[in-house]
Amino acid sequence: MFEQHLRKLDHQHLLRRLRTIASATGPTVMLDDHRVILLSSNNYLGLATHPAVVEAAIAATRQYGAGSGASRLVCGTLPPHEELEAALAEFKGTEASLTFAAGYLANIGIIPTLIGKSGLILADRLCHASLIDGCRLSGATLRVYHHRDMNHLEQLLARRSSVSPTLIVTDGLFSMDGDIAPLTDIALLAERYDAAVFVDDAHGTGILGRSGRGSLEHCHVESRLPYHMGTLSKAMGGAGAYIAGSTSFIAYLVNTCRAFTYTTAPPPASAAAATAAIRVMKQEPERRARLWRNRDHLAQGLKRLGFQLTPSESPILPILVGDPDRAVGLAHALLSHGVYAPAIRPPTVPAATSRIRLTITADHTAEHIDDALAALERAGRALHLI
């Protein structure tokens, strides 16, 4: 049965294999004994290798060990966890925060605590898989609205039973298209129809907003949306996730969120690294400025070459290819020219929208970007994509 399924995936150009990067995640990496330009990492600010972040992880490991030993409610809460949660709350401008071992755990754990079987969830069509799984686990009725379509969202809100508790679920910055949720309009509709809003700001935190606080700051709705989640593994360069909100809300999650209660606490090293990353983001705003300069450099080059892009507003710049076999072909051609950017295919993205999801970081140089654009031009012309 397994072999048959794998053969079917291979025939459809949807088979996935693990690739080992033999170096730290930076603007270039070692892959198959060759150094290549990496254009697929979410390490937007380059903090995964920042000396202060790395040293914080090492120091915490020396003092507290490699693991936390138990769940947070047993004996797994250590000073690095408390320090990180205080730093996150201060950074996000909320009363408190709570951390999780992964964004997936946070979403499948928190959403079922916000709404149950009697409720209605309205989710953006392009929500991250972890959000959709969290919605399904809640037992609530799930309806999907067209991507960023506020008219469709309002139609669904207007048609619902007035007594149904309602939760609107969306990414802040969509990871596969690079566009930003219209949070101002979503907040307005939520207020008008007495609905709650759950935002996953995994890719927005650290890069969007005047202070880098994320998509809520970017859309000026921080005071209107009382809680949101995000991850520590993208711009912050580490691992894990957080939820930020009021003290009472966080206490409620500590007592009701099964993904928190029954999971071993994140390693002290990852918590200490994230705290250090927050400090670096505040002390080195030039990293975010450099990221956006690099983004504009790459985006302008891609448009000049004539690639078909999504309407991205971020350092995520997907090249739409369509068929999975052509996306795989482009990825292979790019790698032969020294650029690593894997093909993204269904079910990660909708059918007929396979793509090369390019991501740029603050640590890429102008030379890296020019070399990557040269490789993209050669590969794109060879495959008749431009």
Protein backbone atom coordinates (compact mmCIF):
# COMPACT_ATOMS: atom_id res chain seq x y z
CA MET A 1 0.00 0.00 0.00
CA PHE A 2 2.76 2.44 0.91
CA GLU A 3 4.80 1.73 -2.23
CA GLN A 4 1.72 2.10 -4.41
CA HIS A 5 0.92 5.48 -2.90
CA LEU A 6 4.51 6.66 -3.33
CA ARG A 7 4.54 5.59 -6.98
CA LYS A 8 1.32 7.52 -7.56
CA LEU A 9 2.81 10.65 -6.02
CA ASP A 10 5.96 10.26 -8.09
CA HIS A 11 3.91 9.91 -11.28
CA GLN A 12 2.06 13.12 -10.40
CA HIS A 13 5.35 14.96 -9.65
CA LEU A 14 4.19 15.37 -6.05
CA LEU A 15 6.66 13.05 -4.31
CA ARG A 16 8.75 14.78 -1.65
CA ARG A 17 12.18 13.84 -0.37
CA LEU A 18 14.24 15.24 2.46
CA ARG A 19 17.32 17.27 1.56
CA THR A 20 20.12 17.76 4.09
CA ILE A 21 21.68 21.18 4.48
CA ALA A 22 25.22 20.63 5.80
CA SER A 23 25.76 24.11 7.25
CA ALA A 24 24.06 26.80 9.30
CA THR A 25 21.06 28.45 7.67
CA GLY A 26 22.41 31.62 6.09
CA PRO A 27 22.28 33.42 2.74
CA THR A 28 24.35 30.55 1.32
CA VAL A 29 24.48 26.93 2.49
CA MET A 30 26.26 23.68 1.78
CA LEU A 31 24.07 21.25 -0.18
CA ASP A 32 25.44 18.05 -1.71
CA ASP A 33 29.00 19.27 -1.15
CA HIS A 34 28.32 22.52 -3.04
CA ARG A 35 27.79 26.02 -1.70
CA VAL A 36 24.57 27.45 -3.10
CA ILE A 37 22.51 30.60 -2.60
CA LEU A 38 19.56 29.80 -0.33
CA LEU A 39 16.30 31.46 -1.39
CA SER A 40 13.78 29.41 0.58
CA SER A 41 14.50 30.16 4.24
CA ASN A 42 12.16 31.99 6.62
CA ASN A 43 15.18 33.29 8.57
CA TYR A 44 14.22 36.76 7.37
CA LEU A 45 16.44 38.83 9.67
CA GLY A 46 19.38 36.41 9.74
CA LEU A 47 19.00 35.91 13.49
CA ALA A 48 19.44 32.11 13.38
CA THR A 49 23.19 32.69 13.24
CA HIS A 50 23.45 35.99 15.09
CA PRO A 51 26.26 35.66 17.69
CA ALA A 52 24.13 37.03 20.54
CA VAL A 53 21.29 34.61 19.78
CA VAL A 54 23.62 31.61 19.47
CA GLU A 55 25.50 32.48 22.66
CA ALA A 56 22.24 32.87 24.60
CA ALA A 57 21.24 29.34 23.57
CA ILE A 58 24.64 27.96 24.59
CA ALA A 59 24.58 29.70 27.96
CA ALA A 60 21.05 28.46 28.74
CA THR A 61 22.02 24.91 27.80
CA ARG A 62 25.05 25.00 30.08
CA GLN A 63 22.98 26.29 33.00
CA TYR A 64 19.68 24.42 32.55
CA GLY A 65 20.52 21.41 30.38
CA ALA A 66 19.43 20.26 26.95
CA GLY A 67 15.80 19.58 27.81
CA SER A 68 13.11 20.87 30.16
CA GLY A 69 12.25 17.49 31.66
CA ALA A 70 8.47 17.75 31.75
CA SER A 71 5.45 19.79 30.72
CA ARG A 72 5.18 23.34 31.99
CA LEU A 73 2.54 22.44 34.62
CA VAL A 74 4.63 19.64 36.10
CA CYS A 75 8.23 20.79 36.54
CA GLY A 76 9.11 22.10 33.06
CA THR A 77 8.79 25.84 33.68
CA LEU A 78 12.29 27.31 33.85
CA PRO A 79 13.55 30.91 34.11
CA PRO A 80 14.23 31.15 30.34
CA HIS A 81 10.54 30.43 29.66
CA GLU A 82 9.39 33.14 32.06
CA GLU A 83 11.93 35.63 30.72
CA LEU A 84 10.84 34.99 27.14
CA GLU A 85 7.14 35.35 27.93
CA ALA A 86 7.77 38.66 29.70
CA ALA A 87 9.88 39.88 26.77
CA LEU A 88 7.22 38.85 24.25
CA ALA A 89 4.43 40.60 26.15
CA GLU A 90 6.51 43.78 26.36
CA PHE A 91 7.42 43.58 22.66
CA LYS A 92 3.83 42.90 21.58
CA GLY A 93 2.29 45.44 23.94
CA THR A 94 0.08 42.94 25.77
CA GLU A 95 -0.30 42.02 29.42
CA ALA A 96 1.05 38.50 29.02
CA SER A 97 2.09 35.75 26.63
CA LEU A 98 2.44 31.97 26.56
CA THR A 99 4.90 29.91 24.54
CA PHE A 100 4.56 26.58 22.76
CA ALA A 101 7.05 24.14 21.24
CA ALA A 102 5.76 24.79 17.69
CA GLY A 103 3.30 26.92 15.78
CA TYR A 104 1.35 23.84 14.73
CA LEU A 105 0.87 22.86 18.38
CA ALA A 106 -0.27 26.37 19.25
CA ASN A 107 -2.90 26.50 16.52
CA ILE A 108 -4.37 23.04 17.03
CA GLY A 109 -4.43 23.69 20.77
CA ILE A 110 -5.67 27.27 21.06
CA ILE A 111 -8.49 27.33 18.48
CA PRO A 112 -10.48 24.54 20.20
CA THR A 113 -10.29 26.52 23.46
CA LEU A 114 -11.82 29.57 21.75
CA ILE A 115 -14.83 27.90 20.16
CA GLY A 116 -16.68 24.59 20.39
CA LYS A 117 -19.20 22.45 18.54
CA SER A 118 -21.98 25.03 18.78
CA GLY A 119 -19.85 27.68 17.07
CA LEU A 120 -19.06 28.83 13.55
CA ILE A 121 -15.57 29.41 12.16
CA LEU A 122 -15.00 31.53 9.05
CA ALA A 123 -11.51 30.97 7.68
CA ASP A 124 -9.61 32.47 4.75
CA ARG A 125 -9.26 29.98 1.90
CA LEU A 126 -5.45 30.21 2.04
CA CYS A 127 -5.06 29.77 5.80
CA HIS A 128 -2.06 27.74 6.92
CA ALA A 129 -2.73 24.00 7.31
CA SER A 130 -2.24 24.20 11.07
CA LEU A 131 -5.05 26.74 11.31
CA ILE A 132 -7.41 24.53 9.31
CA ASP A 133 -6.54 21.52 11.45
CA GLY A 134 -7.18 23.56 14.59
CA CYS A 135 -10.56 24.61 13.20
CA ARG A 136 -11.50 21.01 12.46
CA LEU A 137 -10.41 19.81 15.90
CA SER A 138 -12.68 22.38 17.54
CA GLY A 139 -15.76 20.61 16.21
CA ALA A 140 -17.26 23.94 15.15
CA THR A 141 -18.93 24.38 11.76
CA LEU A 142 -16.22 25.52 9.35
CA ARG A 143 -16.91 27.79 6.39
CA VAL A 144 -14.21 29.13 4.07
CA TYR A 145 -14.30 32.60 2.53
CA HIS A 146 -12.52 33.57 -0.67
CA HIS A 147 -8.98 34.75 -0.12
CA ARG A 148 -8.99 38.30 1.33
CA ASP A 149 -12.56 38.78 0.03
CA MET A 150 -14.35 40.93 2.58
CA ASN A 151 -17.61 40.94 0.64
CA HIS A 152 -17.73 37.15 0.84
CA LEU A 153 -16.79 37.21 4.52
CA GLU A 154 -19.61 39.66 5.26
CA GLN A 155 -22.09 37.53 3.32
CA LEU A 156 -21.20 34.53 5.49
CA LEU A 157 -21.46 36.62 8.65
CA ALA A 158 -24.84 38.00 7.63
CA ARG A 159 -26.24 34.53 6.85
CA ARG A 160 -25.23 32.89 10.13
CA SER A 161 -27.54 32.28 13.05
CA SER A 162 -27.37 35.29 15.35
CA VAL A 163 -26.87 33.01 18.35
CA SER A 164 -23.86 31.14 16.89
CA PRO A 165 -20.54 32.10 18.53
CA THR A 166 -18.31 33.06 15.59
CA LEU A 167 -14.54 33.06 15.12
CA ILE A 168 -12.83 34.58 12.09
CA VAL A 169 -9.49 32.87 11.39
CA THR A 170 -6.73 34.21 9.15
CA ASP A 171 -3.01 34.43 8.63
CA GLY A 172 -1.58 37.91 9.11
CA LEU A 173 0.96 37.46 6.31
CA PHE A 174 0.17 34.54 4.01
CA SER A 175 3.19 32.27 3.80
CA MET A 176 2.72 30.93 0.27
CA ASP A 177 1.53 34.11 -1.50
CA GLY A 178 3.28 36.84 0.47
CA ASP A 179 0.23 39.10 0.76
CA ILE A 180 -1.21 40.61 3.94
CA ALA A 181 -4.66 40.00 5.40
CA PRO A 182 -6.94 43.09 5.38
CA LEU A 183 -7.03 43.14 9.17
CA THR A 184 -8.56 46.61 9.38
CA ASP A 185 -11.62 45.42 7.45
CA ILE A 186 -11.71 42.12 9.31
CA ALA A 187 -11.69 43.93 12.66
CA LEU A 188 -14.52 46.20 11.47
CA LEU A 189 -16.66 43.23 10.37
CA ALA A 190 -15.92 41.39 13.61
CA GLU A 191 -17.12 44.40 15.60
CA ARG A 192 -20.20 44.82 13.43
CA TYR A 193 -21.25 41.16 13.68
CA ASP A 194 -20.02 40.41 17.21
CA ALA A 195 -17.38 37.90 16.13
CA ALA A 196 -13.94 37.11 17.53
CA VAL A 197 -10.75 37.09 15.43
CA PHE A 198 -7.77 34.74 15.60
CA VAL A 199 -4.68 35.86 13.67
CA ASP A 200 -1.62 33.70 12.96
CA ASP A 201 1.22 36.20 12.60
CA ALA A 202 3.99 33.65 12.09
CA HIS A 203 5.47 35.38 9.04
CA GLY A 204 4.58 38.95 9.98
CA THR A 205 6.24 39.12 13.38
CA GLY A 206 9.63 40.80 13.15
CA ILE A 207 9.24 42.21 9.65
CA LEU A 208 5.93 44.10 9.41
CA GLY A 209 4.98 47.28 11.22
CA ARG A 210 6.95 50.35 12.15
CA SER A 211 8.52 48.55 15.11
CA GLY A 212 8.47 45.05 13.62
CA ARG A 213 5.66 43.92 15.88
CA GLY A 214 3.86 42.35 12.95
CA SER A 215 0.73 42.51 10.84
CA LEU A 216 -1.47 43.92 13.61
CA GLU A 217 0.87 46.89 13.98
CA HIS A 218 1.13 47.20 10.19
CA CYS A 219 -2.68 47.41 9.92
CA HIS A 220 -3.11 49.57 13.06
CA VAL A 221 -5.43 47.11 14.81
CA GLU A 222 -3.39 46.14 17.88
CA SER A 223 -5.93 47.73 20.23
CA ARG A 224 -8.87 46.10 18.42
CA LEU A 225 -7.69 42.47 18.35
CA PRO A 226 -7.01 41.37 21.94
CA TYR A 227 -4.92 38.28 21.16
CA HIS A 228 -2.92 36.71 18.35
CA MET A 229 -0.32 34.00 17.88
CA GLY A 230 2.96 33.82 16.04
CA THR A 231 6.14 31.80 15.84
CA LEU A 232 9.69 32.17 17.03
CA SER A 233 11.09 30.25 14.07
CA LYS A 234 10.88 32.77 11.23
CA ALA A 235 12.21 36.30 11.71
CA MET A 236 13.31 35.44 15.27
CA GLY A 237 15.52 32.67 13.92
CA GLY A 238 14.78 30.02 16.56
CA ALA A 239 12.02 27.54 17.35
CA GLY A 240 8.62 27.54 18.99
CA ALA A 241 5.53 29.74 19.06
CA TYR A 242 3.67 32.20 21.27
CA ILE A 243 0.23 33.57 21.97
CA ALA A 244 -0.01 37.15 23.25
CA GLY A 245 -3.02 38.57 25.10
CA SER A 246 -4.47 39.57 28.45
CA THR A 247 -3.40 38.04 31.74
CA SER A 248 -6.78 36.36 32.19
CA PHE A 249 -6.72 34.93 28.67
CA ILE A 250 -3.26 33.44 29.16
CA ALA A 251 -4.32 31.97 32.52
CA TYR A 252 -7.37 30.48 30.76
CA LEU A 253 -5.12 28.79 28.20
CA VAL A 254 -2.81 27.42 30.89
CA ASN A 255 -5.85 25.67 32.34
CA THR A 256 -7.67 24.59 29.17
CA CYS A 257 -5.26 24.21 26.23
CA ARG A 258 -4.41 20.53 25.84
CA ALA A 259 -1.52 21.17 23.46
CA PHE A 260 0.09 23.21 26.23
CA THR A 261 -0.81 20.96 29.16
CA TYR A 262 0.34 17.68 27.64
CA THR A 263 3.53 18.72 25.83
CA THR A 264 7.03 18.80 27.28
CA ALA A 265 8.19 22.39 27.66
CA PRO A 266 10.41 23.81 24.91
CA PRO A 267 14.16 23.44 25.57
CA PRO A 268 15.65 26.27 27.64
CA ALA A 269 18.05 27.00 24.78
CA SER A 270 15.23 27.86 22.35
CA ALA A 271 13.55 30.13 24.90
CA ALA A 272 16.79 31.98 25.69
CA ALA A 273 17.58 32.32 21.98
CA ALA A 274 14.19 33.90 21.29
CA THR A 275 14.63 36.39 24.13
CA ALA A 276 18.00 37.37 22.69
CA ALA A 277 16.43 37.68 19.23
CA ILE A 278 13.87 40.17 20.55
CA ARG A 279 16.70 42.27 22.00
CA VAL A 280 18.58 42.19 18.69
CA MET A 281 15.48 43.22 16.73
CA LYS A 282 15.12 46.28 18.95
CA GLN A 283 18.84 47.15 18.94
CA GLU A 284 19.44 46.56 15.22
CA PRO A 285 16.49 48.01 13.27
CA GLU A 286 18.83 48.28 10.29
CA ARG A 287 18.33 44.53 9.78
CA ARG A 288 14.69 45.08 8.92
CA ALA A 289 15.59 48.02 6.67
CA ARG A 290 18.17 45.89 4.87
CA LEU A 291 15.63 43.09 4.45
CA TRP A 292 13.20 45.42 2.68
CA ARG A 293 15.93 46.86 0.44
CA ASN A 294 16.87 43.32 -0.57
CA ARG A 295 13.23 42.49 -1.14
CA ASP A 296 12.82 45.43 -3.51
CA HIS A 297 16.04 44.51 -5.36
CA LEU A 298 14.85 40.94 -5.95
CA ALA A 299 11.24 41.90 -6.75
CA GLN A 300 12.26 44.49 -9.32
CA GLY A 301 14.64 42.02 -10.96
CA LEU A 302 11.97 39.32 -11.19
CA LYS A 303 9.48 41.75 -12.74
CA ARG A 304 12.09 42.98 -15.20
CA LEU A 305 12.73 39.40 -16.31
CA GLY A 306 9.01 38.84 -16.83
CA PHE A 307 8.23 36.11 -14.29
CA GLN A 308 4.60 35.70 -13.21
CA LEU A 309 4.47 36.61 -9.52
CA THR A 310 1.76 36.59 -6.88
CA PRO A 311 0.65 40.05 -5.61
CA SER A 312 3.15 39.85 -2.76
CA GLU A 313 3.66 42.67 -0.26
CA SER A 314 6.52 41.02 1.62
CA PRO A 315 9.92 39.30 1.38
CA ILE A 316 8.03 36.21 0.15
CA LEU A 317 8.13 36.36 -3.66
CA PRO A 318 6.49 33.31 -5.27
CA ILE A 319 6.99 32.61 -8.97
CA LEU A 320 3.79 31.00 -10.27
CA VAL A 321 4.50 28.10 -12.60
CA GLY A 322 1.26 26.09 -12.60
CA ASP A 323 1.95 22.42 -13.13
CA PRO A 324 3.99 20.56 -10.51
CA ASP A 325 6.28 18.99 -13.11
CA ARG A 326 7.28 22.42 -14.45
CA ALA A 327 7.84 23.71 -10.92
CA VAL A 328 10.10 20.74 -10.17
CA GLY A 329 11.92 21.35 -13.45
CA LEU A 330 12.54 24.98 -12.56
CA ALA A 331 13.80 24.04 -9.09
CA HIS A 332 16.23 21.51 -10.59
CA ALA A 333 17.45 24.02 -13.17
CA LEU A 334 18.00 26.66 -10.49
CA LEU A 335 19.98 24.24 -8.37
CA SER A 336 22.21 23.42 -11.32
CA HIS A 337 22.97 27.15 -11.49
CA GLY A 338 23.73 27.42 -7.76
CA VAL A 339 20.38 28.53 -6.29
CA TYR A 340 18.35 26.38 -3.89
CA ALA A 341 14.61 27.13 -3.98
CA PRO A 342 12.44 23.99 -3.87
CA ALA A 343 9.17 23.62 -5.74
CA ILE A 344 5.99 24.16 -3.71
CA ARG A 345 3.21 21.88 -4.93
CA PRO A 346 -0.24 20.64 -3.85
CA PRO A 347 -1.50 20.04 -1.24
CA THR A 348 0.58 22.91 0.20
CA VAL A 349 -0.90 25.20 -2.48
CA PRO A 350 -4.09 24.83 -4.55
CA ALA A 351 -4.10 22.73 -7.71
CA ALA A 352 -2.59 24.40 -10.80
CA THR A 353 -0.70 26.94 -8.67
CA SER A 354 2.61 25.13 -8.13
CA ARG A 355 5.40 27.62 -7.65
CA ILE A 356 8.91 28.45 -6.65
CA ARG A 357 8.53 30.32 -3.36
CA LEU A 358 11.48 32.69 -3.18
CA THR A 359 12.32 34.30 0.16
CA ILE A 360 14.97 36.91 0.74
CA THR A 361 16.76 37.75 4.00
CA ALA A 362 18.60 40.66 5.52
CA ASP A 363 21.89 38.79 5.18
CA HIS A 364 21.79 38.39 1.40
CA THR A 365 24.15 40.75 -0.38
CA ALA A 366 23.50 42.62 -3.60
CA GLU A 367 25.91 40.18 -5.27
CA HIS A 368 23.89 37.21 -4.01
CA ILE A 369 20.71 38.71 -5.46
CA ASP A 370 22.30 39.57 -8.81
CA ASP A 371 23.76 36.05 -9.08
CA ALA A 372 20.37 34.56 -8.22
CA LEU A 373 18.63 36.71 -10.82
CA ALA A 374 21.15 35.58 -13.44
CA ALA A 375 20.41 31.96 -12.54
CA LEU A 376 16.68 32.61 -12.66
CA GLU A 377 16.98 34.17 -16.10
CA ARG A 378 18.95 31.22 -17.47
CA ALA A 379 16.60 28.65 -15.97
CA GLY A 380 13.45 30.57 -16.87
CA ARG A 381 14.47 30.99 -20.51
CA ALA A 382 15.52 27.36 -20.85
CA LEU A 383 12.08 26.25 -19.63
CA HIS A 384 10.21 28.92 -21.66
CA LEU A 385 8.78 30.53 -18.53
CA ILE A 386 10.02 33.98 -19.60
